[in-house]
């Protein structure tokens, strides 16, 4: 079905609003991505921006949860996922206001925006 949707999109030159929690499918289906948390956009950009240069702590959390098909790397991936999860718990307050809403999006490049802590500093990527 997904490949058929991509074919229709290409043939007819149309756009889809594709909503999913499965980032593997999102990577396959989209050119531009908006990551939402608690009903707010926390990061948006091209597929490359989001998958290769994630900036928001929630985006990193989602990406770390993608399962690996390489059985030799599962232990390493699990260790990384647990570290990212701990970083999320430790640092999430920096990424949200006192009411728990995402901070305003900051422009990082022509195609990439993220709700980063005050000052716009990038928090170390563990993804």
C-alpha atoms as a PDB file:
ATOM      1  CA  UNK A   1       0.000   0.000   0.000  1.00  0.00           C
ATOM      2  CA  UNK A   2       2.803   2.432   0.900  1.00  0.00           C
ATOM      3  CA  UNK A   3       4.634   1.873  -2.372  1.00  0.00           C
ATOM      4  CA  UNK A   4       1.349   2.382  -4.229  1.00  0.00           C
ATOM      5  CA  UNK A   5       0.852   5.682  -2.389  1.00  0.00           C
ATOM      6  CA  UNK A   6       4.345   6.801  -3.422  1.00  0.00           C
ATOM      7  CA  UNK A   7       3.625   5.837  -7.033  1.00  0.00           C
ATOM      8  CA  UNK A   8       0.376   7.824  -7.045  1.00  0.00           C
ATOM      9  CA  UNK A   9       2.165  10.767  -5.466  1.00  0.00           C
ATOM     10  CA  UNK A  10       4.851  10.740  -8.148  1.00  0.00           C
ATOM     11  CA  UNK A  11       2.483  10.160 -11.063  1.00  0.00           C
ATOM     12  CA  UNK A  12      -0.063  12.781 -10.031  1.00  0.00           C
ATOM     13  CA  UNK A  13       2.301  15.257  -8.399  1.00  0.00           C
ATOM     14  CA  UNK A  14       0.284  15.360  -5.203  1.00  0.00           C
ATOM     15  CA  UNK A  15       1.248  15.688  -1.553  1.00  0.00           C
ATOM     16  CA  UNK A  16       0.154  13.572   1.389  1.00  0.00           C
ATOM     17  CA  UNK A  17      -0.084  14.489   5.026  1.00  0.00           C
ATOM     18  CA  UNK A  18       1.299  11.270   6.442  1.00  0.00           C
ATOM     19  CA  UNK A  19       0.892  10.743  10.184  1.00  0.00           C
ATOM     20  CA  UNK A  20       2.665   7.837  11.838  1.00  0.00           C
ATOM     21  CA  UNK A  21       4.519   6.782  14.952  1.00  0.00           C
ATOM     22  CA  UNK A  22       6.640   4.360  12.895  1.00  0.00           C
ATOM     23  CA  UNK A  23       9.751   6.320  11.930  1.00  0.00           C
ATOM     24  CA  UNK A  24      10.935   3.550   9.619  1.00  0.00           C
ATOM     25  CA  UNK A  25       7.818   4.109   7.526  1.00  0.00           C
ATOM     26  CA  UNK A  26       8.144   7.885   7.870  1.00  0.00           C
ATOM     27  CA  UNK A  27      11.688   7.680   6.484  1.00  0.00           C
ATOM     28  CA  UNK A  28      10.416   5.688   3.491  1.00  0.00           C
ATOM     29  CA  UNK A  29       7.372   7.842   2.781  1.00  0.00           C
ATOM     30  CA  UNK A  30       8.354  11.450   3.341  1.00  0.00           C
ATOM     31  CA  UNK A  31      10.607  14.207   2.092  1.00  0.00           C
ATOM     32  CA  UNK A  32       9.805  16.669   4.894  1.00  0.00           C
ATOM     33  CA  UNK A  33       9.034  15.765   8.493  1.00  0.00           C
ATOM     34  CA  UNK A  34       7.533  17.498  11.507  1.00  0.00           C
ATOM     35  CA  UNK A  35       8.050  15.774  14.865  1.00  0.00           C
ATOM     36  CA  UNK A  36       5.316  16.446  17.403  1.00  0.00           C
ATOM     37  CA  UNK A  37       5.303  15.923  21.150  1.00  0.00           C
ATOM     38  CA  UNK A  38       2.280  16.655  23.323  1.00  0.00           C
ATOM     39  CA  UNK A  39       0.494  18.240  20.364  1.00  0.00           C
ATOM     40  CA  UNK A  40       3.307  20.680  19.532  1.00  0.00           C
ATOM     41  CA  UNK A  41       5.905  20.610  16.779  1.00  0.00           C
ATOM     42  CA  UNK A  42       9.334  20.211  18.383  1.00  0.00           C
ATOM     43  CA  UNK A  43      11.380  19.782  15.201  1.00  0.00           C
ATOM     44  CA  UNK A  44      10.819  20.016  11.478  1.00  0.00           C
ATOM     45  CA  UNK A  45      13.041  19.585   8.484  1.00  0.00           C
ATOM     46  CA  UNK A  46      13.971  17.414   5.570  1.00  0.00           C
ATOM     47  CA  UNK A  47      14.326  13.671   5.963  1.00  0.00           C
ATOM     48  CA  UNK A  48      18.096  14.183   6.116  1.00  0.00           C
ATOM     49  CA  UNK A  49      17.791  16.929   8.751  1.00  0.00           C
ATOM     50  CA  UNK A  50      15.699  14.762  11.041  1.00  0.00           C
ATOM     51  CA  UNK A  51      17.382  11.397  10.581  1.00  0.00           C
ATOM     52  CA  UNK A  52      21.005  12.525  10.190  1.00  0.00           C
ATOM     53  CA  UNK A  53      21.108  15.662  12.383  1.00  0.00           C
ATOM     54  CA  UNK A  54      18.368  15.409  15.037  1.00  0.00           C
ATOM     55  CA  UNK A  55      18.472  18.353  17.433  1.00  0.00           C
ATOM     56  CA  UNK A  56      15.495  18.090  19.770  1.00  0.00           C
ATOM     57  CA  UNK A  57      15.767  15.670  22.660  1.00  0.00           C
ATOM     58  CA  UNK A  58      12.384  14.076  21.826  1.00  0.00           C
ATOM     59  CA  UNK A  59      13.388  13.485  18.194  1.00  0.00           C
ATOM     60  CA  UNK A  60      16.544  11.755  19.429  1.00  0.00           C
ATOM     61  CA  UNK A  61      14.417   9.641  21.746  1.00  0.00           C
ATOM     62  CA  UNK A  62      12.148   8.538  18.902  1.00  0.00           C
ATOM     63  CA  UNK A  63      15.069   7.733  16.618  1.00  0.00           C
ATOM     64  CA  UNK A  64      16.820   5.683  19.287  1.00  0.00           C
ATOM     65  CA  UNK A  65      13.707   3.513  19.574  1.00  0.00           C
ATOM     66  CA  UNK A  66      13.896   2.302  15.961  1.00  0.00           C
ATOM     67  CA  UNK A  67      14.756  -1.400  16.221  1.00  0.00           C
ATOM     68  CA  UNK A  68      17.874  -2.703  14.534  1.00  0.00           C
ATOM     69  CA  UNK A  69      17.628  -5.602  12.119  1.00  0.00           C
ATOM     70  CA  UNK A  70      21.326  -6.321  12.683  1.00  0.00           C
ATOM     71  CA  UNK A  71      21.327  -8.869  15.519  1.00  0.00           C
ATOM     72  CA  UNK A  72      25.027  -8.260  16.191  1.00  0.00           C
ATOM     73  CA  UNK A  73      24.282  -4.632  17.130  1.00  0.00           C
ATOM     74  CA  UNK A  74      21.185  -5.153  19.278  1.00  0.00           C
ATOM     75  CA  UNK A  75      23.033  -4.962  22.608  1.00  0.00           C
ATOM     76  CA  UNK A  76      24.854  -1.801  21.499  1.00  0.00           C
ATOM     77  CA  UNK A  77      21.604  -0.260  20.246  1.00  0.00           C
ATOM     78  CA  UNK A  78      19.809  -1.142  23.486  1.00  0.00           C
ATOM     79  CA  UNK A  79      22.600   0.484  25.516  1.00  0.00           C
ATOM     80  CA  UNK A  80      22.367   3.613  23.340  1.00  0.00           C
ATOM     81  CA  UNK A  81      18.570   3.666  23.608  1.00  0.00           C
ATOM     82  CA  UNK A  82      18.762   3.492  27.418  1.00  0.00           C
ATOM     83  CA  UNK A  83      21.313   6.343  27.465  1.00  0.00           C
ATOM     84  CA  UNK A  84      19.123   8.501  25.212  1.00  0.00           C
ATOM     85  CA  UNK A  85      16.114   7.701  27.399  1.00  0.00           C
ATOM     86  CA  UNK A  86      18.036   8.750  30.520  1.00  0.00           C
ATOM     87  CA  UNK A  87      19.209  11.946  28.775  1.00  0.00           C
ATOM     88  CA  UNK A  88      15.587  12.668  27.887  1.00  0.00           C
ATOM     89  CA  UNK A  89      14.477  12.280  31.499  1.00  0.00           C
ATOM     90  CA  UNK A  90      17.413  14.340  32.814  1.00  0.00           C
ATOM     91  CA  UNK A  91      17.235  17.206  30.295  1.00  0.00           C
ATOM     92  CA  UNK A  92      13.638  17.411  29.088  1.00  0.00           C
ATOM     93  CA  UNK A  93      12.816  20.347  31.366  1.00  0.00           C
ATOM     94  CA  UNK A  94      15.299  22.449  29.346  1.00  0.00           C
ATOM     95  CA  UNK A  95      13.276  21.871  26.165  1.00  0.00           C
ATOM     96  CA  UNK A  96       9.833  22.843  27.498  1.00  0.00           C
ATOM     97  CA  UNK A  97       8.354  25.856  29.265  1.00  0.00           C
ATOM     98  CA  UNK A  98       6.960  25.748  32.809  1.00  0.00           C
ATOM     99  CA  UNK A  99       3.609  24.511  31.451  1.00  0.00           C
ATOM    100  CA  UNK A 100       5.235  21.640  29.562  1.00  0.00           C
ATOM    101  CA  UNK A 101       4.843  23.227  26.122  1.00  0.00           C
ATOM    102  CA  UNK A 102       7.626  23.020  23.562  1.00  0.00           C
ATOM    103  CA  UNK A 103       9.788  26.111  23.285  1.00  0.00           C
ATOM    104  CA  UNK A 104       9.475  28.225  20.108  1.00  0.00           C
ATOM    105  CA  UNK A 105      11.112  26.779  17.016  1.00  0.00           C
ATOM    106  CA  UNK A 106      14.504  28.218  16.113  1.00  0.00           C
ATOM    107  CA  UNK A 107      15.820  28.258  12.570  1.00  0.00           C
ATOM    108  CA  UNK A 108      18.923  26.077  12.275  1.00  0.00           C
ATOM    109  CA  UNK A 109      19.214  26.130   8.474  1.00  0.00           C
ATOM    110  CA  UNK A 110      17.038  26.924   5.469  1.00  0.00           C
ATOM    111  CA  UNK A 111      15.236  23.612   5.950  1.00  0.00           C
ATOM    112  CA  UNK A 112      15.669  22.735   9.627  1.00  0.00           C
ATOM    113  CA  UNK A 113      13.894  24.140  12.701  1.00  0.00           C
ATOM    114  CA  UNK A 114      13.881  22.884  16.306  1.00  0.00           C
ATOM    115  CA  UNK A 115      12.552  23.890  19.706  1.00  0.00           C
ATOM    116  CA  UNK A 116      15.893  24.163  21.491  1.00  0.00           C
ATOM    117  CA  UNK A 117      16.807  25.336  24.996  1.00  0.00           C
ATOM    118  CA  UNK A 118      17.274  29.012  25.628  1.00  0.00           C
ATOM    119  CA  UNK A 119      20.348  30.265  23.823  1.00  0.00           C
ATOM    120  CA  UNK A 120      19.782  27.728  21.055  1.00  0.00           C
ATOM    121  CA  UNK A 121      22.697  25.572  22.077  1.00  0.00           C
ATOM    122  CA  UNK A 122      22.721  22.105  20.654  1.00  0.00           C
ATOM    123  CA  UNK A 123      22.649  19.452  23.338  1.00  0.00           C
ATOM    124  CA  UNK A 124      25.141  16.656  22.687  1.00  0.00           C
ATOM    125  CA  UNK A 125      23.737  14.068  20.322  1.00  0.00           C
ATOM    126  CA  UNK A 126      23.769  10.485  21.478  1.00  0.00           C
ATOM    127  CA  UNK A 127      21.877   9.242  18.489  1.00  0.00           C
END
